[in-house]
Amino acid sequence: MVDGDGMGRAFPELQMVLPTLSGIAATPMSIADEKGNVGVLTTVDNRSAEALARSLTITMGCAAIISNYAMTGAQAREALVAGTLSLCARIGHRLARVRAAHGDPVTAVADELGGRVVHRGKVVDVARRTLTGFARGTAVVAGDGGDLVLEFQNEHLVARRDGTVLVSTPDLIIVLDTDSGEPVTTEALRFGHRVTVVAAPSDERWHSPGGIALVGPRYFGYETDSVRFDGSVR
């Protein structure tokens, strides 16, 4: 097992991994569904791998499993985000301690991630639709500071309040249940949820010119520059 992963967060498309920035090919890639359909793709670039695999996944009923980004150990050391499995374990252990002591689990998560609390409140509106294999939409969280609007495409990508972007991709926008500190995914957001939104830094390589071109807000169609978790613009 490798203590690391290709993003250090979640992104919705296959090419949106740090190995792409390191020149590692997504293919050969295998893809299979539960009915026994199997395929192997070899593509000219990683974005083409995403497009073809997405089309196949939709045809397979929007459920498929893949294996891709074969690499050497040396490539893994260079291209992956190290220590993310250990980070998950630390967060879990800390949450267990904080809950046992009746403390604030959300603040504990933000501290463990080196992030900050952006907003607390109740989900008052969710608009979600599935388009070309993605869950796209917006959610509104009403709180003491006003309404925070979350814009997502499978993952939260932009957080705005009063029209001002507070944080955007590639940094992390994390929605947690206020009482438990458990994550609330875009699929699970529902009216009435009491949530806290946390902003946290992504791996610094995502803020390189190549990283911003690959996963910045403009790639997803948002007319804004990238806003870091601390409010600075890049």
C-alpha atoms as a PDB file:
ATOM      1  CA  MET A   1       0.000   0.000   0.000  1.00  0.00           C
ATOM      2  CA  VAL A   2       1.182   3.518  -0.842  1.00  0.00           C
ATOM      3  CA  ASP A   3       0.578   6.247   1.749  1.00  0.00           C
ATOM      4  CA  GLY A   4      -0.480   8.887  -0.752  1.00  0.00           C
ATOM      5  CA  ASP A   5      -2.810   9.704  -3.638  1.00  0.00           C
ATOM      6  CA  GLY A   6      -2.869  11.558  -6.931  1.00  0.00           C
ATOM      7  CA  MET A   7      -4.744  14.704  -5.882  1.00  0.00           C
ATOM      8  CA  GLY A   8      -4.681  15.423  -2.157  1.00  0.00           C
ATOM      9  CA  ARG A   9      -8.384  16.230  -2.559  1.00  0.00           C
ATOM     10  CA  ALA A  10     -11.132  15.240  -5.041  1.00  0.00           C
ATOM     11  CA  PHE A  11     -11.640  16.390  -8.632  1.00  0.00           C
ATOM     12  CA  PRO A  12     -14.288  15.162 -11.080  1.00  0.00           C
ATOM     13  CA  GLU A  13     -12.232  14.315 -14.187  1.00  0.00           C
ATOM     14  CA  LEU A  14      -9.623  11.603 -14.780  1.00  0.00           C
ATOM     15  CA  GLN A  15      -6.888  13.901 -16.078  1.00  0.00           C
ATOM     16  CA  MET A  16      -7.121  16.095 -12.954  1.00  0.00           C
ATOM     17  CA  VAL A  17      -4.315  14.430 -11.049  1.00  0.00           C
ATOM     18  CA  LEU A  18      -0.760  15.494 -10.288  1.00  0.00           C
ATOM     19  CA  PRO A  19       0.675  12.616 -12.370  1.00  0.00           C
ATOM     20  CA  THR A  20      -0.706  14.465 -15.419  1.00  0.00           C
ATOM     21  CA  LEU A  21       1.479  17.455 -14.480  1.00  0.00           C
ATOM     22  CA  SER A  22       4.419  15.036 -14.214  1.00  0.00           C
ATOM     23  CA  GLY A  23       3.813  13.715 -17.726  1.00  0.00           C
ATOM     24  CA  ILE A  24       2.504  10.290 -16.677  1.00  0.00           C
ATOM     25  CA  ALA A  25      -0.056   8.775 -19.056  1.00  0.00           C
ATOM     26  CA  ALA A  26      -3.500   7.730 -17.861  1.00  0.00           C
ATOM     27  CA  THR A  27      -3.539   4.815 -20.292  1.00  0.00           C
ATOM     28  CA  PRO A  28      -3.412   1.903 -20.905  1.00  0.00           C
ATOM     29  CA  MET A  29      -6.588   1.944 -18.783  1.00  0.00           C
ATOM     30  CA  SER A  30      -9.003  -0.878 -18.101  1.00  0.00           C
ATOM     31  CA  ILE A  31     -12.702  -0.245 -17.513  1.00  0.00           C
ATOM     32  CA  ALA A  32     -15.415  -2.703 -16.485  1.00  0.00           C
ATOM     33  CA  ASP A  33     -19.001  -2.768 -15.264  1.00  0.00           C
ATOM     34  CA  GLU A  34     -20.968  -5.178 -13.062  1.00  0.00           C
ATOM     35  CA  LYS A  35     -22.543  -6.863 -16.083  1.00  0.00           C
ATOM     36  CA  GLY A  36     -19.201  -8.159 -17.356  1.00  0.00           C
ATOM     37  CA  ASN A  37     -18.478  -5.568 -20.046  1.00  0.00           C
ATOM     38  CA  VAL A  38     -14.727  -4.889 -20.128  1.00  0.00           C
ATOM     39  CA  GLY A  39     -12.552  -2.598 -22.209  1.00  0.00           C
ATOM     40  CA  VAL A  40      -8.959  -1.371 -22.459  1.00  0.00           C
ATOM     41  CA  LEU A  41      -8.263   2.172 -23.667  1.00  0.00           C
ATOM     42  CA  THR A  42      -5.107   3.650 -25.153  1.00  0.00           C
ATOM     43  CA  THR A  43      -5.450   7.367 -25.862  1.00  0.00           C
ATOM     44  CA  VAL A  44      -3.395  10.222 -27.264  1.00  0.00           C
ATOM     45  CA  ASP A  45      -3.569  12.233 -24.011  1.00  0.00           C
ATOM     46  CA  ASN A  46      -5.120  12.127 -20.549  1.00  0.00           C
ATOM     47  CA  ARG A  47      -8.021  14.414 -21.381  1.00  0.00           C
ATOM     48  CA  SER A  48      -9.024  12.057 -24.185  1.00  0.00           C
ATOM     49  CA  ALA A  49      -8.936   9.208 -21.668  1.00  0.00           C
ATOM     50  CA  GLU A  50     -11.417  11.156 -19.534  1.00  0.00           C
ATOM     51  CA  ALA A  51     -13.754  11.845 -22.462  1.00  0.00           C
ATOM     52  CA  LEU A  52     -13.811   8.253 -23.688  1.00  0.00           C
ATOM     53  CA  ALA A  53     -14.058   6.683 -20.238  1.00  0.00           C
ATOM     54  CA  ARG A  54     -16.865   9.096 -19.314  1.00  0.00           C
ATOM     55  CA  SER A  55     -18.852   8.105 -22.407  1.00  0.00           C
ATOM     56  CA  LEU A  56     -18.359   4.412 -21.666  1.00  0.00           C
ATOM     57  CA  THR A  57     -19.347   4.888 -18.029  1.00  0.00           C
ATOM     58  CA  ILE A  58     -22.589   6.616 -19.036  1.00  0.00           C
ATOM     59  CA  THR A  59     -23.344   3.747 -21.437  1.00  0.00           C
ATOM     60  CA  MET A  60     -22.588   1.289 -18.640  1.00  0.00           C
ATOM     61  CA  GLY A  61     -25.304   2.882 -16.507  1.00  0.00           C
ATOM     62  CA  CYS A  62     -23.121   5.504 -14.766  1.00  0.00           C
ATOM     63  CA  ALA A  63     -21.310   2.840 -12.736  1.00  0.00           C
ATOM     64  CA  ALA A  64     -17.904   1.501 -13.731  1.00  0.00           C
ATOM     65  CA  ILE A  65     -14.545   0.664 -12.219  1.00  0.00           C
ATOM     66  CA  ILE A  66     -11.225   1.601 -13.781  1.00  0.00           C
ATOM     67  CA  SER A  67      -7.514   0.956 -13.372  1.00  0.00           C
ATOM     68  CA  ASN A  68      -5.126   3.536 -14.767  1.00  0.00           C
ATOM     69  CA  TYR A  69      -1.984   5.661 -14.283  1.00  0.00           C
ATOM     70  CA  ALA A  70       0.438   2.746 -14.082  1.00  0.00           C
ATOM     71  CA  MET A  71       3.762   4.119 -12.804  1.00  0.00           C
ATOM     72  CA  THR A  72       7.052   3.136 -11.246  1.00  0.00           C
ATOM     73  CA  GLY A  73       7.898   3.638  -7.605  1.00  0.00           C
ATOM     74  CA  ALA A  74      10.180   6.526  -8.521  1.00  0.00           C
ATOM     75  CA  GLN A  75       7.372   8.201 -10.465  1.00  0.00           C
ATOM     76  CA  ALA A  76       5.002   7.690  -7.548  1.00  0.00           C
ATOM     77  CA  ARG A  77       7.411   9.389  -5.147  1.00  0.00           C
ATOM     78  CA  GLU A  78       7.610  12.386  -7.486  1.00  0.00           C
ATOM     79  CA  ALA A  79       4.006  12.666  -8.655  1.00  0.00           C
ATOM     80  CA  LEU A  80       1.780  11.679  -5.728  1.00  0.00           C
ATOM     81  CA  VAL A  81       0.728  13.630  -2.638  1.00  0.00           C
ATOM     82  CA  ALA A  82       2.516  11.842   0.187  1.00  0.00           C
ATOM     83  CA  GLY A  83       0.960  10.999   3.538  1.00  0.00           C
ATOM     84  CA  THR A  84      -2.725  11.404   2.729  1.00  0.00           C
ATOM     85  CA  LEU A  85      -3.784   8.037   4.158  1.00  0.00           C
ATOM     86  CA  SER A  86      -1.936   8.866   7.372  1.00  0.00           C
ATOM     87  CA  LEU A  87      -3.697  12.252   7.377  1.00  0.00           C
ATOM     88  CA  CYS A  88      -7.083  10.533   7.143  1.00  0.00           C
ATOM     89  CA  ALA A  89      -6.155   8.329  10.096  1.00  0.00           C
ATOM     90  CA  ARG A  90      -5.010  11.336  12.156  1.00  0.00           C
ATOM     91  CA  ILE A  91      -8.252  13.182  11.468  1.00  0.00           C
ATOM     92  CA  GLY A  92     -10.273  10.133  12.490  1.00  0.00           C
ATOM     93  CA  HIS A  93      -8.328   9.631  15.723  1.00  0.00           C
ATOM     94  CA  ARG A  94      -8.604  13.313  16.595  1.00  0.00           C
ATOM     95  CA  LEU A  95     -12.339  13.360  15.916  1.00  0.00           C
ATOM     96  CA  ALA A  96     -12.777  10.393  18.235  1.00  0.00           C
ATOM     97  CA  ARG A  97     -10.885  12.185  21.018  1.00  0.00           C
ATOM     98  CA  VAL A  98     -12.742  15.479  20.527  1.00  0.00           C
ATOM     99  CA  ARG A  99     -16.153  13.812  20.522  1.00  0.00           C
ATOM    100  CA  ALA A 100     -15.300  11.875  23.677  1.00  0.00           C
ATOM    101  CA  ALA A 101     -14.389  15.184  25.321  1.00  0.00           C
ATOM    102  CA  HIS A 102     -17.571  16.867  23.945  1.00  0.00           C
ATOM    103  CA  GLY A 103     -15.472  19.376  22.012  1.00  0.00           C
ATOM    104  CA  ASP A 104     -15.979  21.006  18.607  1.00  0.00           C
ATOM    105  CA  PRO A 105     -15.245  18.417  15.912  1.00  0.00           C
ATOM    106  CA  VAL A 106     -15.349  20.905  13.032  1.00  0.00           C
ATOM    107  CA  THR A 107     -12.679  23.128  14.548  1.00  0.00           C
ATOM    108  CA  ALA A 108     -10.545  20.036  15.097  1.00  0.00           C
ATOM    109  CA  VAL A 109     -10.814  19.045  11.428  1.00  0.00           C
ATOM    110  CA  ALA A 110      -9.981  22.570  10.255  1.00  0.00           C
ATOM    111  CA  ASP A 111      -6.937  22.650  12.520  1.00  0.00           C
ATOM    112  CA  GLU A 112      -5.719  19.235  11.368  1.00  0.00           C
ATOM    113  CA  LEU A 113      -5.952  20.372   7.735  1.00  0.00           C
ATOM    114  CA  GLY A 114      -4.362  23.780   8.333  1.00  0.00           C
ATOM    115  CA  GLY A 115      -7.583  25.416   7.170  1.00  0.00           C
ATOM    116  CA  ARG A 116     -10.248  27.749   8.510  1.00  0.00           C
ATOM    117  CA  VAL A 117     -13.996  27.880   9.102  1.00  0.00           C
ATOM    118  CA  VAL A 118     -15.668  29.958   6.380  1.00  0.00           C
ATOM    119  CA  HIS A 119     -19.358  29.715   7.273  1.00  0.00           C
ATOM    120  CA  ARG A 120     -21.853  28.022   9.569  1.00  0.00           C
ATOM    121  CA  GLY A 121     -25.550  27.689   8.942  1.00  0.00           C
ATOM    122  CA  LYS A 122     -28.446  25.699   7.517  1.00  0.00           C
ATOM    123  CA  VAL A 123     -28.868  24.466   3.960  1.00  0.00           C
ATOM    124  CA  VAL A 124     -31.905  26.321   2.593  1.00  0.00           C
ATOM    125  CA  ASP A 125     -31.707  25.412  -1.092  1.00  0.00           C
ATOM    126  CA  VAL A 126     -30.088  22.781  -3.303  1.00  0.00           C
ATOM    127  CA  ALA A 127     -30.336  22.698  -7.105  1.00  0.00           C
ATOM    128  CA  ARG A 128     -28.739  19.575  -8.544  1.00  0.00           C
ATOM    129  CA  ARG A 129     -28.816  17.973 -11.983  1.00  0.00           C
ATOM    130  CA  THR A 130     -26.883  15.196 -13.700  1.00  0.00           C
ATOM    131  CA  LEU A 131     -25.350  16.336 -16.963  1.00  0.00           C
ATOM    132  CA  THR A 132     -22.842  14.415 -19.129  1.00  0.00           C
ATOM    133  CA  GLY A 133     -22.050  12.118 -16.223  1.00  0.00           C
ATOM    134  CA  PHE A 134     -21.509  14.880 -13.636  1.00  0.00           C
ATOM    135  CA  ALA A 135     -23.637  16.019 -10.700  1.00  0.00           C
ATOM    136  CA  ARG A 136     -23.729  19.790 -11.211  1.00  0.00           C
ATOM    137  CA  GLY A 137     -25.479  22.427  -9.163  1.00  0.00           C
ATOM    138  CA  THR A 138     -25.542  24.961  -6.369  1.00  0.00           C
ATOM    139  CA  ALA A 139     -26.402  24.957  -2.689  1.00  0.00           C
ATOM    140  CA  VAL A 140     -27.250  27.878  -0.394  1.00  0.00           C
ATOM    141  CA  VAL A 141     -26.243  27.836   3.269  1.00  0.00           C
ATOM    142  CA  ALA A 142     -27.964  30.540   5.356  1.00  0.00           C
ATOM    143  CA  GLY A 143     -26.052  31.754   8.408  1.00  0.00           C
ATOM    144  CA  ASP A 144     -25.362  34.748  10.622  1.00  0.00           C
ATOM    145  CA  GLY A 145     -22.987  36.225   8.036  1.00  0.00           C
ATOM    146  CA  GLY A 146     -25.535  35.956   5.228  1.00  0.00           C
ATOM    147  CA  ASP A 147     -26.021  33.334   2.531  1.00  0.00           C
ATOM    148  CA  LEU A 148     -23.072  31.296   1.303  1.00  0.00           C
ATOM    149  CA  VAL A 149     -23.531  29.910  -2.217  1.00  0.00           C
ATOM    150  CA  LEU A 150     -21.649  26.710  -3.041  1.00  0.00           C
ATOM    151  CA  GLU A 151     -21.159  25.809  -6.693  1.00  0.00           C
ATOM    152  CA  PHE A 152     -20.233  22.220  -7.418  1.00  0.00           C
ATOM    153  CA  GLN A 153     -19.490  19.690 -10.122  1.00  0.00           C
ATOM    154  CA  ASN A 154     -19.329  16.428  -8.193  1.00  0.00           C
ATOM    155  CA  GLU A 155     -17.069  18.362  -5.766  1.00  0.00           C
ATOM    156  CA  HIS A 156     -17.408  21.855  -4.314  1.00  0.00           C
ATOM    157  CA  LEU A 157     -15.515  24.258  -6.596  1.00  0.00           C
ATOM    158  CA  VAL A 158     -16.496  27.825  -5.647  1.00  0.00           C
ATOM    159  CA  ALA A 159     -17.891  29.409  -2.463  1.00  0.00           C
ATOM    160  CA  ARG A 160     -19.400  32.910  -2.714  1.00  0.00           C
ATOM    161  CA  ARG A 161     -20.965  35.297  -0.201  1.00  0.00           C
ATOM    162  CA  ASP A 162     -22.648  38.494  -1.354  1.00  0.00           C
ATOM    163  CA  GLY A 163     -21.190  37.869  -4.806  1.00  0.00           C
ATOM    164  CA  THR A 164     -17.606  37.702  -3.515  1.00  0.00           C
ATOM    165  CA  VAL A 165     -15.610  34.495  -3.986  1.00  0.00           C
ATOM    166  CA  LEU A 166     -14.256  33.431  -0.593  1.00  0.00           C
ATOM    167  CA  VAL A 167     -12.419  30.320  -1.785  1.00  0.00           C
ATOM    168  CA  SER A 168     -12.241  28.336  -5.006  1.00  0.00           C
ATOM    169  CA  THR A 169     -10.670  25.316  -6.612  1.00  0.00           C
ATOM    170  CA  PRO A 170      -7.924  24.116  -6.437  1.00  0.00           C
ATOM    171  CA  ASP A 171      -8.049  24.725  -2.673  1.00  0.00           C
ATOM    172  CA  LEU A 172     -10.509  22.597  -0.726  1.00  0.00           C
ATOM    173  CA  ILE A 173     -14.090  23.555   0.110  1.00  0.00           C
ATOM    174  CA  ILE A 174     -15.303  21.049   2.698  1.00  0.00           C
ATOM    175  CA  VAL A 175     -18.853  20.800   4.051  1.00  0.00           C
ATOM    176  CA  LEU A 176     -19.139  19.122   7.455  1.00  0.00           C
ATOM    177  CA  ASP A 177     -22.066  18.263   9.689  1.00  0.00           C
ATOM    178  CA  THR A 178     -21.807  20.905  12.403  1.00  0.00           C
ATOM    179  CA  ASP A 179     -22.553  18.548  15.289  1.00  0.00           C
ATOM    180  CA  SER A 180     -20.575  15.464  14.278  1.00  0.00           C
ATOM    181  CA  GLY A 181     -17.845  16.788  11.979  1.00  0.00           C
ATOM    182  CA  GLU A 182     -18.769  14.106   9.426  1.00  0.00           C
ATOM    183  CA  PRO A 183     -18.378  15.084   5.755  1.00  0.00           C
ATOM    184  CA  VAL A 184     -21.487  16.005   3.769  1.00  0.00           C
ATOM    185  CA  THR A 185     -20.931  15.262   0.081  1.00  0.00           C
ATOM    186  CA  THR A 186     -22.578  17.149  -2.755  1.00  0.00           C
ATOM    187  CA  GLU A 187     -24.902  14.165  -3.296  1.00  0.00           C
ATOM    188  CA  ALA A 188     -25.926  14.124   0.380  1.00  0.00           C
ATOM    189  CA  LEU A 189     -26.665  17.849   0.802  1.00  0.00           C
ATOM    190  CA  ARG A 190     -30.303  18.299   1.772  1.00  0.00           C
ATOM    191  CA  PHE A 191     -32.586  21.109   2.912  1.00  0.00           C
ATOM    192  CA  GLY A 192     -32.310  21.617   6.656  1.00  0.00           C
ATOM    193  CA  HIS A 193     -28.790  20.250   7.079  1.00  0.00           C
ATOM    194  CA  ARG A 194     -26.872  22.135   9.764  1.00  0.00           C
ATOM    195  CA  VAL A 195     -23.423  22.426   8.259  1.00  0.00           C
ATOM    196  CA  THR A 196     -20.107  24.205   8.589  1.00  0.00           C
ATOM    197  CA  VAL A 197     -18.002  25.051   5.534  1.00  0.00           C
ATOM    198  CA  VAL A 198     -14.237  24.744   5.931  1.00  0.00           C
ATOM    199  CA  ALA A 199     -11.581  26.010   3.504  1.00  0.00           C
ATOM    200  CA  ALA A 200      -8.209  24.242   3.443  1.00  0.00           C
ATOM    201  CA  PRO A 201      -5.047  24.425   1.312  1.00  0.00           C
ATOM    202  CA  SER A 202      -4.417  22.026  -1.538  1.00  0.00           C
ATOM    203  CA  ASP A 203      -1.019  20.669  -2.539  1.00  0.00           C
ATOM    204  CA  GLU A 204       1.041  23.645  -3.690  1.00  0.00           C
ATOM    205  CA  ARG A 205       1.648  22.082  -7.108  1.00  0.00           C
ATOM    206  CA  TRP A 206      -2.000  22.734  -7.958  1.00  0.00           C
ATOM    207  CA  HIS A 207      -1.266  26.460  -7.821  1.00  0.00           C
ATOM    208  CA  SER A 208       1.398  26.264 -10.525  1.00  0.00           C
ATOM    209  CA  PRO A 209       0.385  27.639 -13.949  1.00  0.00           C
ATOM    210  CA  GLY A 210      -0.133  24.088 -15.223  1.00  0.00           C
ATOM    211  CA  GLY A 211      -2.197  23.161 -12.186  1.00  0.00           C
ATOM    212  CA  ILE A 212      -4.445  26.213 -12.495  1.00  0.00           C
ATOM    213  CA  ALA A 213      -4.960  25.490 -16.203  1.00  0.00           C
ATOM    214  CA  LEU A 214      -5.954  21.936 -15.340  1.00  0.00           C
ATOM    215  CA  VAL A 215      -8.243  22.504 -12.329  1.00  0.00           C
ATOM    216  CA  GLY A 216      -8.690  26.256 -11.817  1.00  0.00           C
ATOM    217  CA  PRO A 217     -12.175  27.798 -11.714  1.00  0.00           C
ATOM    218  CA  ARG A 218     -12.047  29.020 -15.311  1.00  0.00           C
ATOM    219  CA  TYR A 219     -11.616  25.452 -16.561  1.00  0.00           C
ATOM    220  CA  PHE A 220     -15.006  24.666 -15.023  1.00  0.00           C
ATOM    221  CA  GLY A 221     -16.638  27.724 -16.569  1.00  0.00           C
ATOM    222  CA  TYR A 222     -16.527  30.125 -13.617  1.00  0.00           C
ATOM    223  CA  GLU A 223     -15.442  33.652 -14.493  1.00  0.00           C
ATOM    224  CA  THR A 224     -13.059  34.161 -11.594  1.00  0.00           C
ATOM    225  CA  ASP A 225      -9.401  33.767 -10.804  1.00  0.00           C
ATOM    226  CA  SER A 226      -8.388  31.201  -8.228  1.00  0.00           C
ATOM    227  CA  VAL A 227      -8.957  32.381  -4.642  1.00  0.00           C
ATOM    228  CA  ARG A 228      -6.816  30.679  -2.010  1.00  0.00           C
ATOM    229  CA  PHE A 229      -8.240  29.294   1.218  1.00  0.00           C
ATOM    230  CA  ASP A 230      -6.862  32.344   3.056  1.00  0.00           C
ATOM    231  CA  GLY A 231      -8.645  34.756   0.677  1.00  0.00           C
ATOM    232  CA  SER A 232      -5.639  35.678  -1.489  1.00  0.00           C
ATOM    233  CA  VAL A 233      -6.047  35.708  -5.275  1.00  0.00           C
ATOM    234  CA  ARG A 234      -3.715  33.792  -7.622  1.00  0.00           C
END
